[in-house]
C-alpha atoms as a PDB file:
ATOM      1  CA  UNK A   1      17.387  -7.254  -2.380  1.00  0.00           C
ATOM      2  CA  UNK A   2      18.111  -4.076  -1.714  1.00  0.00           C
ATOM      3  CA  UNK A   3      16.074  -1.248   0.213  1.00  0.00           C
ATOM      4  CA  UNK A   4      16.136   2.556   0.406  1.00  0.00           C
ATOM      5  CA  UNK A   5      14.618   4.340   3.591  1.00  0.00           C
ATOM      6  CA  UNK A   6      11.745   5.592   3.117  1.00  0.00           C
ATOM      7  CA  UNK A   7      12.099   9.237   5.605  1.00  0.00           C
ATOM      8  CA  UNK A   8      12.411  12.628   4.492  1.00  0.00           C
ATOM      9  CA  UNK A   9      15.730  14.014   6.382  1.00  0.00           C
ATOM     10  CA  UNK A  10      15.373  17.862   6.355  1.00  0.00           C
ATOM     11  CA  UNK A  11      11.894  19.678   6.182  1.00  0.00           C
ATOM     12  CA  UNK A  12      13.877  22.928   4.763  1.00  0.00           C
ATOM     13  CA  UNK A  13      14.245  21.080   1.859  1.00  0.00           C
ATOM     14  CA  UNK A  14      10.665  19.929   1.071  1.00  0.00           C
ATOM     15  CA  UNK A  15      10.490  19.675  -2.562  1.00  0.00           C
ATOM     16  CA  UNK A  16      14.359  18.108  -2.929  1.00  0.00           C
ATOM     17  CA  UNK A  17      13.340  15.912  -0.269  1.00  0.00           C
ATOM     18  CA  UNK A  18       9.994  13.938  -1.989  1.00  0.00           C
ATOM     19  CA  UNK A  19      11.299  14.449  -5.611  1.00  0.00           C
ATOM     20  CA  UNK A  20      14.444  12.915  -4.342  1.00  0.00           C
ATOM     21  CA  UNK A  21      12.524  10.053  -2.633  1.00  0.00           C
ATOM     22  CA  UNK A  22      10.048   9.430  -5.738  1.00  0.00           C
ATOM     23  CA  UNK A  23      13.417   9.096  -8.206  1.00  0.00           C
ATOM     24  CA  UNK A  24      14.478   6.531  -5.897  1.00  0.00           C
ATOM     25  CA  UNK A  25      11.365   4.312  -5.510  1.00  0.00           C
ATOM     26  CA  UNK A  26      11.506   4.560  -9.351  1.00  0.00           C
ATOM     27  CA  UNK A  27      15.110   3.538  -9.636  1.00  0.00           C
ATOM     28  CA  UNK A  28      14.240   0.682  -7.251  1.00  0.00           C
ATOM     29  CA  UNK A  29      11.719  -0.689  -9.168  1.00  0.00           C
ATOM     30  CA  UNK A  30      13.924  -0.828 -12.226  1.00  0.00           C
ATOM     31  CA  UNK A  31      16.576  -2.467  -9.925  1.00  0.00           C
ATOM     32  CA  UNK A  32      14.124  -5.274  -8.858  1.00  0.00           C
ATOM     33  CA  UNK A  33      13.239  -5.573 -12.581  1.00  0.00           C
ATOM     34  CA  UNK A  34      16.539  -6.686 -13.349  1.00  0.00           C
ATOM     35  CA  UNK A  35      16.840  -8.999 -10.312  1.00  0.00           C
ATOM     36  CA  UNK A  36      13.540 -10.769 -11.101  1.00  0.00           C
ATOM     37  CA  UNK A  37      14.544 -13.694 -12.940  1.00  0.00           C
ATOM     38  CA  UNK A  38      16.698 -14.657  -9.734  1.00  0.00           C
ATOM     39  CA  UNK A  39      13.254 -14.331  -7.703  1.00  0.00           C
ATOM     40  CA  UNK A  40      10.492 -13.722  -9.766  1.00  0.00           C
ATOM     41  CA  UNK A  41       7.865 -13.651  -6.746  1.00  0.00           C
ATOM     42  CA  UNK A  42      10.114 -11.899  -4.357  1.00  0.00           C
ATOM     43  CA  UNK A  43      10.650  -9.308  -7.399  1.00  0.00           C
ATOM     44  CA  UNK A  44       7.229  -8.616  -7.980  1.00  0.00           C
ATOM     45  CA  UNK A  45       6.057  -8.213  -4.637  1.00  0.00           C
ATOM     46  CA  UNK A  46       8.748  -5.535  -4.095  1.00  0.00           C
ATOM     47  CA  UNK A  47       7.942  -3.747  -7.316  1.00  0.00           C
ATOM     48  CA  UNK A  48       4.224  -3.190  -6.180  1.00  0.00           C
ATOM     49  CA  UNK A  49       5.589  -1.872  -2.703  1.00  0.00           C
ATOM     50  CA  UNK A  50       6.921   0.546  -4.383  1.00  0.00           C
ATOM     51  CA  UNK A  51       4.784   1.604  -6.956  1.00  0.00           C
ATOM     52  CA  UNK A  52       2.152   2.276  -3.965  1.00  0.00           C
ATOM     53  CA  UNK A  53       4.947   3.940  -2.310  1.00  0.00           C
ATOM     54  CA  UNK A  54       5.354   6.272  -5.492  1.00  0.00           C
ATOM     55  CA  UNK A  55       1.685   6.425  -6.335  1.00  0.00           C
ATOM     56  CA  UNK A  56       1.404   8.199  -2.326  1.00  0.00           C
ATOM     57  CA  UNK A  57       3.927  10.427  -2.655  1.00  0.00           C
ATOM     58  CA  UNK A  58       2.095  11.642  -6.047  1.00  0.00           C
ATOM     59  CA  UNK A  59      -1.096  12.208  -4.113  1.00  0.00           C
ATOM     60  CA  UNK A  60       0.814  14.002  -1.404  1.00  0.00           C
ATOM     61  CA  UNK A  61       2.167  16.505  -3.460  1.00  0.00           C
ATOM     62  CA  UNK A  62      -0.667  16.680  -6.088  1.00  0.00           C
ATOM     63  CA  UNK A  63      -1.719  20.203  -5.347  1.00  0.00           C
ATOM     64  CA  UNK A  64       1.800  21.513  -5.428  1.00  0.00           C
ATOM     65  CA  UNK A  65       2.503  19.582  -8.729  1.00  0.00           C
ATOM     66  CA  UNK A  66      -0.258  20.174 -10.794  1.00  0.00           C
ATOM     67  CA  UNK A  67      -3.070  18.019 -11.584  1.00  0.00           C
ATOM     68  CA  UNK A  68      -1.958  17.546 -15.573  1.00  0.00           C
ATOM     69  CA  UNK A  69       2.020  16.153 -14.309  1.00  0.00           C
ATOM     70  CA  UNK A  70       0.453  14.279 -11.273  1.00  0.00           C
ATOM     71  CA  UNK A  71      -2.737  12.845 -13.579  1.00  0.00           C
ATOM     72  CA  UNK A  72       0.292  11.781 -16.150  1.00  0.00           C
ATOM     73  CA  UNK A  73       2.511  10.035 -13.632  1.00  0.00           C
ATOM     74  CA  UNK A  74      -0.123   8.655 -11.822  1.00  0.00           C
ATOM     75  CA  UNK A  75      -1.650   6.730 -14.534  1.00  0.00           C
ATOM     76  CA  UNK A  76       1.624   5.830 -15.913  1.00  0.00           C
ATOM     77  CA  UNK A  77       2.421   4.285 -12.454  1.00  0.00           C
ATOM     78  CA  UNK A  78      -1.196   2.583 -12.012  1.00  0.00           C
ATOM     79  CA  UNK A  79      -1.020   0.982 -15.653  1.00  0.00           C
ATOM     80  CA  UNK A  80       2.017  -0.432 -14.748  1.00  0.00           C
ATOM     81  CA  UNK A  81       1.513  -1.706 -11.955  1.00  0.00           C
ATOM     82  CA  UNK A  82      -1.441  -3.355 -12.894  1.00  0.00           C
ATOM     83  CA  UNK A  83       0.058  -5.602 -15.395  1.00  0.00           C
ATOM     84  CA  UNK A  84       1.814  -7.512 -12.163  1.00  0.00           C
ATOM     85  CA  UNK A  85      -1.004  -8.138 -10.361  1.00  0.00           C
ATOM     86  CA  UNK A  86      -2.685 -11.305 -11.645  1.00  0.00           C
ATOM     87  CA  UNK A  87       1.174 -12.862 -10.526  1.00  0.00           C
ATOM     88  CA  UNK A  88       0.810 -11.153  -7.141  1.00  0.00           C
ATOM     89  CA  UNK A  89      -2.910 -12.091  -6.763  1.00  0.00           C
ATOM     90  CA  UNK A  90      -2.704 -15.611  -7.473  1.00  0.00           C
ATOM     91  CA  UNK A  91       0.354 -15.867  -5.285  1.00  0.00           C
ATOM     92  CA  UNK A  92      -1.126 -14.729  -2.263  1.00  0.00           C
ATOM     93  CA  UNK A  93      -4.180 -16.700  -3.366  1.00  0.00           C
ATOM     94  CA  UNK A  94      -2.449 -19.673  -2.863  1.00  0.00           C
ATOM     95  CA  UNK A  95      -0.879 -18.730   0.473  1.00  0.00           C
ATOM     96  CA  UNK A  96      -4.587 -18.147   1.663  1.00  0.00           C
ATOM     97  CA  UNK A  97      -5.422 -21.758   0.945  1.00  0.00           C
ATOM     98  CA  UNK A  98      -2.026 -22.704   2.642  1.00  0.00           C
ATOM     99  CA  UNK A  99      -3.349 -20.761   5.806  1.00  0.00           C
ATOM    100  CA  UNK A 100      -6.911 -22.246   5.283  1.00  0.00           C
ATOM    101  CA  UNK A 101      -6.142 -25.787   5.461  1.00  0.00           C
ATOM    102  CA  UNK A 102      -3.979 -25.170   8.332  1.00  0.00           C
ATOM    103  CA  UNK A 103      -6.166 -23.501  10.206  1.00  0.00           C
ATOM    104  CA  UNK A 104      -9.579 -25.698   8.840  1.00  0.00           C
ATOM    105  CA  UNK A 105      -7.702 -28.967   8.677  1.00  0.00           C
ATOM    106  CA  UNK A 106     -10.478 -31.106   9.731  1.00  0.00           C
ATOM    107  CA  UNK A 107     -12.268 -29.941   6.570  1.00  0.00           C
ATOM    108  CA  UNK A 108      -9.668 -29.234   4.412  1.00  0.00           C
ATOM    109  CA  UNK A 109      -6.870 -31.957   5.006  1.00  0.00           C
ATOM    110  CA  UNK A 110      -8.028 -34.470   2.008  1.00  0.00           C
ATOM    111  CA  UNK A 111      -6.377 -34.467  -1.005  1.00  0.00           C
ATOM    112  CA  UNK A 112      -8.832 -32.909  -3.124  1.00  0.00           C
ATOM    113  CA  UNK A 113      -7.931 -29.457  -1.468  1.00  0.00           C
ATOM    114  CA  UNK A 114      -4.079 -30.311  -1.646  1.00  0.00           C
ATOM    115  CA  UNK A 115      -4.721 -30.361  -5.944  1.00  0.00           C
ATOM    116  CA  UNK A 116      -6.914 -26.813  -5.446  1.00  0.00           C
ATOM    117  CA  UNK A 117      -3.544 -26.065  -3.380  1.00  0.00           C
ATOM    118  CA  UNK A 118      -1.595 -27.145  -6.098  1.00  0.00           C
ATOM    119  CA  UNK A 119      -3.775 -25.763  -9.226  1.00  0.00           C
ATOM    120  CA  UNK A 120      -3.465 -22.193  -8.044  1.00  0.00           C
ATOM    121  CA  UNK A 121       0.252 -22.860  -7.075  1.00  0.00           C
ATOM    122  CA  UNK A 122       0.833 -23.796 -10.914  1.00  0.00           C
ATOM    123  CA  UNK A 123      -0.919 -20.523 -12.158  1.00  0.00           C
ATOM    124  CA  UNK A 124       1.254 -17.917  -9.963  1.00  0.00           C
ATOM    125  CA  UNK A 125       4.099 -20.141 -11.482  1.00  0.00           C
ATOM    126  CA  UNK A 126       2.510 -19.429 -15.167  1.00  0.00           C
ATOM    127  CA  UNK A 127       1.606 -16.040 -14.740  1.00  0.00           C
ATOM    128  CA  UNK A 128       5.204 -15.089 -13.015  1.00  0.00           C
ATOM    129  CA  UNK A 129       7.138 -16.940 -16.312  1.00  0.00           C
ATOM    130  CA  UNK A 130       4.200 -14.789 -18.461  1.00  0.00           C
ATOM    131  CA  UNK A 131       6.315 -11.791 -17.384  1.00  0.00           C
ATOM    132  CA  UNK A 132       9.488 -12.934 -18.014  1.00  0.00           C
ATOM    133  CA  UNK A 133       8.810 -14.319 -21.194  1.00  0.00           C
ATOM    134  CA  UNK A 134       6.774 -11.511 -22.474  1.00  0.00           C
ATOM    135  CA  UNK A 135       9.711  -9.127 -21.145  1.00  0.00           C
ATOM    136  CA  UNK A 136       6.954  -7.304 -19.250  1.00  0.00           C
ATOM    137  CA  UNK A 137       9.447  -6.241 -16.605  1.00  0.00           C
ATOM    138  CA  UNK A 138      12.241  -4.868 -18.698  1.00  0.00           C
ATOM    139  CA  UNK A 139       9.274  -2.890 -20.160  1.00  0.00           C
ATOM    140  CA  UNK A 140       8.423  -1.679 -17.019  1.00  0.00           C
ATOM    141  CA  UNK A 141      12.348  -0.951 -16.267  1.00  0.00           C
ATOM    142  CA  UNK A 142      12.530   1.202 -18.873  1.00  0.00           C
ATOM    143  CA  UNK A 143       9.485   3.144 -18.627  1.00  0.00           C
ATOM    144  CA  UNK A 144      10.081   4.217 -14.681  1.00  0.00           C
ATOM    145  CA  UNK A 145      13.380   5.283 -16.253  1.00  0.00           C
ATOM    146  CA  UNK A 146      11.693   7.476 -17.837  1.00  0.00           C
ATOM    147  CA  UNK A 147       9.476   8.818 -15.476  1.00  0.00           C
ATOM    148  CA  UNK A 148      12.377   9.565 -12.867  1.00  0.00           C
ATOM    149  CA  UNK A 149      13.736  11.496 -15.528  1.00  0.00           C
ATOM    150  CA  UNK A 150      10.349  13.724 -15.632  1.00  0.00           C
ATOM    151  CA  UNK A 151      10.308  13.996 -12.192  1.00  0.00           C
ATOM    152  CA  UNK A 152      13.844  15.437 -11.877  1.00  0.00           C
ATOM    153  CA  UNK A 153      12.265  18.372 -13.910  1.00  0.00           C
ATOM    154  CA  UNK A 154       8.885  19.440 -11.823  1.00  0.00           C
ATOM    155  CA  UNK A 155       8.722  22.074  -9.798  1.00  0.00           C
ATOM    156  CA  UNK A 156       6.878  21.866  -6.845  1.00  0.00           C
ATOM    157  CA  UNK A 157       4.610  24.978  -6.449  1.00  0.00           C
ATOM    158  CA  UNK A 158       4.132  26.522  -2.576  1.00  0.00           C
ATOM    159  CA  UNK A 159       6.620  26.254  -0.123  1.00  0.00           C
ATOM    160  CA  UNK A 160       7.428  24.762   2.969  1.00  0.00           C
ATOM    161  CA  UNK A 161       4.513  22.548   4.469  1.00  0.00           C
ATOM    162  CA  UNK A 162       2.107  23.974   1.719  1.00  0.00           C
ATOM    163  CA  UNK A 163       3.752  21.714  -0.532  1.00  0.00           C
ATOM    164  CA  UNK A 164       1.569  18.823   1.101  1.00  0.00           C
ATOM    165  CA  UNK A 165      -0.664  20.432   2.743  1.00  0.00           C
ATOM    166  CA  UNK A 166      -3.955  20.173   0.188  1.00  0.00           C
ATOM    167  CA  UNK A 167      -2.662  16.044  -0.700  1.00  0.00           C
ATOM    168  CA  UNK A 168      -2.612  15.194   2.903  1.00  0.00           C
ATOM    169  CA  UNK A 169      -5.722  16.542   3.760  1.00  0.00           C
ATOM    170  CA  UNK A 170      -7.596  15.026   0.472  1.00  0.00           C
ATOM    171  CA  UNK A 171      -5.899  10.960   0.834  1.00  0.00           C
ATOM    172  CA  UNK A 172      -7.370  11.395   4.776  1.00  0.00           C
ATOM    173  CA  UNK A 173     -10.547  12.826   4.168  1.00  0.00           C
ATOM    174  CA  UNK A 174     -10.991  10.433   1.680  1.00  0.00           C
ATOM    175  CA  UNK A 175      -9.974   7.728   4.107  1.00  0.00           C
ATOM    176  CA  UNK A 176     -12.458   9.176   6.477  1.00  0.00           C
ATOM    177  CA  UNK A 177     -15.646   9.143   3.950  1.00  0.00           C
ATOM    178  CA  UNK A 178     -15.199   5.459   2.965  1.00  0.00           C
ATOM    179  CA  UNK A 179     -14.699   4.528   6.730  1.00  0.00           C
ATOM    180  CA  UNK A 180     -17.908   6.069   7.231  1.00  0.00           C
ATOM    181  CA  UNK A 181     -19.683   4.432   4.016  1.00  0.00           C
ATOM    182  CA  UNK A 182     -18.031   1.110   4.870  1.00  0.00           C
ATOM    183  CA  UNK A 183     -19.381   0.561   8.351  1.00  0.00           C
ATOM    184  CA  UNK A 184     -22.089   2.247   8.563  1.00  0.00           C
ATOM    185  CA  UNK A 185     -24.044   4.009   5.464  1.00  0.00           C
ATOM    186  CA  UNK A 186     -22.792   1.504   2.333  1.00  0.00           C
ATOM    187  CA  UNK A 187     -20.902  -1.853   3.916  1.00  0.00           C
ATOM    188  CA  UNK A 188     -19.852  -3.533   1.139  1.00  0.00           C
ATOM    189  CA  UNK A 189     -16.610  -5.231   0.408  1.00  0.00           C
ATOM    190  CA  UNK A 190     -15.481  -3.001  -2.455  1.00  0.00           C
ATOM    191  CA  UNK A 191     -16.127  -0.120   0.056  1.00  0.00           C
ATOM    192  CA  UNK A 192     -14.066  -2.158   2.726  1.00  0.00           C
ATOM    193  CA  UNK A 193     -11.126  -2.473  -0.243  1.00  0.00           C
ATOM    194  CA  UNK A 194     -11.077   1.100  -1.284  1.00  0.00           C
ATOM    195  CA  UNK A 195     -11.001   2.137   2.546  1.00  0.00           C
ATOM    196  CA  UNK A 196      -7.961  -0.451   2.434  1.00  0.00           C
ATOM    197  CA  UNK A 197      -5.942   1.119  -0.178  1.00  0.00           C
ATOM    198  CA  UNK A 198      -6.861   4.923   1.069  1.00  0.00           C
ATOM    199  CA  UNK A 199      -5.487   3.980   4.375  1.00  0.00           C
ATOM    200  CA  UNK A 200      -2.309   2.644   2.956  1.00  0.00           C
ATOM    201  CA  UNK A 201      -1.261   5.673   1.226  1.00  0.00           C
ATOM    202  CA  UNK A 202      -1.927   7.747   4.395  1.00  0.00           C
ATOM    203  CA  UNK A 203       0.525   4.957   6.258  1.00  0.00           C
ATOM    204  CA  UNK A 204       3.048   5.636   3.259  1.00  0.00           C
ATOM    205  CA  UNK A 205       2.525   9.328   4.229  1.00  0.00           C
ATOM    206  CA  UNK A 206       3.183   9.363   7.395  1.00  0.00           C
ATOM    207  CA  UNK A 207       6.325   6.624   7.571  1.00  0.00           C
ATOM    208  CA  UNK A 208       7.386   9.194   5.280  1.00  0.00           C
ATOM    209  CA  UNK A 209       6.967  12.162   7.400  1.00  0.00           C
ATOM    210  CA  UNK A 210       7.900  10.225  10.604  1.00  0.00           C
ATOM    211  CA  UNK A 211      11.037  11.697  11.204  1.00  0.00           C
ATOM    212  CA  UNK A 212       8.858  14.977  11.845  1.00  0.00           C
ATOM    213  CA  UNK A 213       7.383  13.386  15.367  1.00  0.00           C
ATOM    214  CA  UNK A 214       9.044  10.458  15.196  1.00  0.00           C
ATOM    215  CA  UNK A 215       6.872   8.436  18.327  1.00  0.00           C
ATOM    216  CA  UNK A 216       3.457   9.807  17.622  1.00  0.00           C
ATOM    217  CA  UNK A 217       3.638   9.471  13.620  1.00  0.00           C
ATOM    218  CA  UNK A 218       5.165   5.971  14.173  1.00  0.00           C
ATOM    219  CA  UNK A 219       2.284   4.754  16.170  1.00  0.00           C
ATOM    220  CA  UNK A 220      -0.564   6.108  14.120  1.00  0.00           C
ATOM    221  CA  UNK A 221       1.373   4.618  10.874  1.00  0.00           C
ATOM    222  CA  UNK A 222       1.164   1.153  13.320  1.00  0.00           C
ATOM    223  CA  UNK A 223      -2.669   1.548  13.654  1.00  0.00           C
ATOM    224  CA  UNK A 224      -3.032   2.255  10.100  1.00  0.00           C
ATOM    225  CA  UNK A 225      -0.971  -1.002   9.376  1.00  0.00           C
ATOM    226  CA  UNK A 226      -3.111  -2.543  11.742  1.00  0.00           C
ATOM    227  CA  UNK A 227      -6.409  -1.602  10.279  1.00  0.00           C
ATOM    228  CA  UNK A 228      -5.278  -2.559   6.407  1.00  0.00           C
ATOM    229  CA  UNK A 229      -3.733  -5.865   7.889  1.00  0.00           C
ATOM    230  CA  UNK A 230      -6.925  -6.438   9.152  1.00  0.00           C
ATOM    231  CA  UNK A 231      -8.849  -5.309   6.327  1.00  0.00           C
ATOM    232  CA  UNK A 232      -6.915  -7.336   4.940  1.00  0.00           C
ATOM    233  CA  UNK A 233      -7.884 -10.816   6.181  1.00  0.00           C
ATOM    234  CA  UNK A 234     -10.811 -10.225   5.599  1.00  0.00           C
ATOM    235  CA  UNK A 235     -10.498  -9.597   1.595  1.00  0.00           C
ATOM    236  CA  UNK A 236      -8.948 -12.829   1.949  1.00  0.00           C
ATOM    237  CA  UNK A 237     -12.348 -14.529   3.049  1.00  0.00           C
ATOM    238  CA  UNK A 238     -14.413 -13.084   0.859  1.00  0.00           C
ATOM    239  CA  UNK A 239     -12.128 -13.926  -2.130  1.00  0.00           C
ATOM    240  CA  UNK A 240     -11.960 -17.747  -1.140  1.00  0.00           C
ATOM    241  CA  UNK A 241     -15.557 -17.589  -0.772  1.00  0.00           C
ATOM    242  CA  UNK A 242     -15.879 -16.170  -4.127  1.00  0.00           C
ATOM    243  CA  UNK A 243     -13.431 -18.355  -6.045  1.00  0.00           C
ATOM    244  CA  UNK A 244     -13.436 -21.684  -4.111  1.00  0.00           C
ATOM    245  CA  UNK A 245     -16.322 -23.079  -5.352  1.00  0.00           C
ATOM    246  CA  UNK A 246     -15.137 -23.060  -9.251  1.00  0.00           C
ATOM    247  CA  UNK A 247     -11.541 -24.470  -8.561  1.00  0.00           C
ATOM    248  CA  UNK A 248     -13.267 -27.373  -6.486  1.00  0.00           C
ATOM    249  CA  UNK A 249     -15.784 -28.719  -8.831  1.00  0.00           C
ATOM    250  CA  UNK A 250     -17.280 -31.653  -8.266  1.00  0.00           C
ATOM    251  CA  UNK A 251     -15.263 -33.064  -5.627  1.00  0.00           C
ATOM    252  CA  UNK A 252     -16.262 -35.490  -3.885  1.00  0.00           C
ATOM    253  CA  UNK A 253     -18.045 -34.647  -0.497  1.00  0.00           C
ATOM    254  CA  UNK A 254     -16.126 -31.245  -0.679  1.00  0.00           C
ATOM    255  CA  UNK A 255     -19.531 -29.258  -1.113  1.00  0.00           C
ATOM    256  CA  UNK A 256     -21.075 -29.944   2.431  1.00  0.00           C
ATOM    257  CA  UNK A 257     -17.321 -29.308   3.740  1.00  0.00           C
ATOM    258  CA  UNK A 258     -17.383 -25.648   1.752  1.00  0.00           C
ATOM    259  CA  UNK A 259     -20.671 -25.099   3.345  1.00  0.00           C
ATOM    260  CA  UNK A 260     -19.308 -25.717   6.638  1.00  0.00           C
ATOM    261  CA  UNK A 261     -15.793 -23.676   6.102  1.00  0.00           C
ATOM    262  CA  UNK A 262     -17.575 -20.758   4.629  1.00  0.00           C
ATOM    263  CA  UNK A 263     -20.148 -20.482   7.663  1.00  0.00           C
ATOM    264  CA  UNK A 264     -17.047 -20.204   9.588  1.00  0.00           C
ATOM    265  CA  UNK A 265     -14.978 -17.545   7.118  1.00  0.00           C
ATOM    266  CA  UNK A 266     -18.704 -15.266   7.169  1.00  0.00           C
ATOM    267  CA  UNK A 267     -18.344 -15.473  11.097  1.00  0.00           C
ATOM    268  CA  UNK A 268     -14.371 -14.953  11.119  1.00  0.00           C
ATOM    269  CA  UNK A 269     -15.052 -11.777   8.801  1.00  0.00           C
ATOM    270  CA  UNK A 270     -17.823 -10.433  11.000  1.00  0.00           C
ATOM    271  CA  UNK A 271     -15.027 -10.009  13.837  1.00  0.00           C
ATOM    272  CA  UNK A 272     -12.968  -8.820  11.691  1.00  0.00           C
ATOM    273  CA  UNK A 273     -14.949  -5.690  10.243  1.00  0.00           C
ATOM    274  CA  UNK A 274     -15.837  -5.061  13.965  1.00  0.00           C
ATOM    275  CA  UNK A 275     -12.726  -5.037  14.649  1.00  0.00           C
ATOM    276  CA  UNK A 276     -11.616  -2.703  11.487  1.00  0.00           C
ATOM    277  CA  UNK A 277     -14.406  -0.161  12.580  1.00  0.00           C
ATOM    278  CA  UNK A 278     -12.902   0.357  16.052  1.00  0.00           C
ATOM    279  CA  UNK A 279      -9.457   1.202  14.316  1.00  0.00           C
ATOM    280  CA  UNK A 280     -10.831   3.048  11.612  1.00  0.00           C
ATOM    281  CA  UNK A 281     -13.312   5.122  14.409  1.00  0.00           C
ATOM    282  CA  UNK A 282      -9.259   5.815  16.453  1.00  0.00           C
ATOM    283  CA  UNK A 283      -7.669   6.664  12.823  1.00  0.00           C
ATOM    284  CA  UNK A 284     -10.174   8.821  11.360  1.00  0.00           C
ATOM    285  CA  UNK A 285     -11.276  10.596  14.637  1.00  0.00           C
ATOM    286  CA  UNK A 286     -10.739  14.080  13.750  1.00  0.00           C
ATOM    287  CA  UNK A 287     -11.300  16.681  11.260  1.00  0.00           C
ATOM    288  CA  UNK A 288      -9.554  16.759   7.962  1.00  0.00           C
ATOM    289  CA  UNK A 289      -8.042  20.076   8.733  1.00  0.00           C
ATOM    290  CA  UNK A 290      -7.650  19.687  12.550  1.00  0.00           C
ATOM    291  CA  UNK A 291      -5.208  16.042  11.099  1.00  0.00           C
ATOM    292  CA  UNK A 292      -3.738  18.308   8.784  1.00  0.00           C
ATOM    293  CA  UNK A 293      -3.068  21.683  11.343  1.00  0.00           C
ATOM    294  CA  UNK A 294      -1.543  19.054  13.862  1.00  0.00           C
ATOM    295  CA  UNK A 295       0.961  17.239  11.113  1.00  0.00           C
ATOM    296  CA  UNK A 296       1.797  21.446   9.993  1.00  0.00           C
ATOM    297  CA  UNK A 297       2.716  22.029  13.995  1.00  0.00           C
ATOM    298  CA  UNK A 298       4.479  18.725  13.799  1.00  0.00           C
ATOM    299  CA  UNK A 299       6.497  20.280  10.989  1.00  0.00           C
ATOM    300  CA  UNK A 300       7.103  23.963  12.170  1.00  0.00           C
ATOM    301  CA  UNK A 301       8.599  21.983  15.141  1.00  0.00           C
ATOM    302  CA  UNK A 302      10.534  20.257  13.659  1.00  0.00           C
ATOM    303  CA  UNK A 303      11.971  22.897  11.225  1.00  0.00           C
ATOM    304  CA  UNK A 304      12.435  25.159  14.097  1.00  0.00           C
ATOM    305  CA  UNK A 305      14.455  22.661  15.881  1.00  0.00           C
ATOM    306  CA  UNK A 306      16.816  21.874  12.831  1.00  0.00           C
ATOM    307  CA  UNK A 307      17.572  25.552  12.006  1.00  0.00           C
ATOM    308  CA  UNK A 308      18.394  25.974  15.762  1.00  0.00           C
ATOM    309  CA  UNK A 309      20.964  23.290  15.408  1.00  0.00           C
ATOM    310  CA  UNK A 310      22.272  24.869  12.617  1.00  0.00           C
ATOM    311  CA  UNK A 311      23.113  27.818  14.260  1.00  0.00           C
ATOM    312  CA  UNK A 312      26.272  28.348  15.403  1.00  0.00           C
ATOM    313  CA  UNK A 313      26.998  28.891  19.255  1.00  0.00           C
ATOM    314  CA  UNK A 314      27.111  32.611  20.516  1.00  0.00           C
ATOM    315  CA  UNK A 315      30.278  31.436  22.158  1.00  0.00           C
ATOM    316  CA  UNK A 316      31.861  29.897  19.168  1.00  0.00           C
ATOM    317  CA  UNK A 317      33.738  31.974  16.953  1.00  0.00           C
ATOM    318  CA  UNK A 318      32.077  33.423  13.612  1.00  0.00           C
END
């Protein structure tokens, strides 16, 4: 399936670059919707990624775009994104169950667990078939086409780095606060899930801005990806503990095996939580104002270097 490079090019044209990237993500969603009948699972996954990238850009330009326009576009994308959630979550949960069977085969190697996997796989297929049967993807495609047209007419207030300063600071501050709550004052699964979403938005934003300082921003974006992957692994175990009892029912001998499995999963979650806390403390070590000041410095340096490269040499004819 087609990919679009998710990077800004010229910081001197930041407004045009960001709006253009947002439009491209929306156009790409439409193309994936068209390809969905051939590879529905892959298409849904890529559409959801494009929505996440698009919403990350919206959060980046929220202040310069204006809250009314931001609220309209973000809510629209959120609602479209949610239509795909049941199909994607069922597909992901099926893979989680396969991984559990592989890693805990002595507990889950029997036919009763294979039946659970088959049931969840059938559910995932049913959800994908529903998307195609109900023309959901065609409706999403038509909707994002209209969104892309609106984006082209929006004007972003401010100049230079001011276009993204407020949005970048906000998403970093939100992640930092959620990190503190998740690991110290409110350590529950919902807070960890919300932290994962904010960290993913920041990861996409830094990936977009990576050309400003390729080596360092790549390293920070990679750290954020490791954090979100670790929190994702934590969530997969929490979801298995929540859903499996109802799916298994009264299978012969399964109750005792699930008790042992859940004990293992809880222990694994504690390890993952510790790893995530260490990662988050490094990622969110700065004050939000210090973080955005550092990124601004990268932007200004990159802008000067590009301007210098474009200046004609004094030894060359004008």
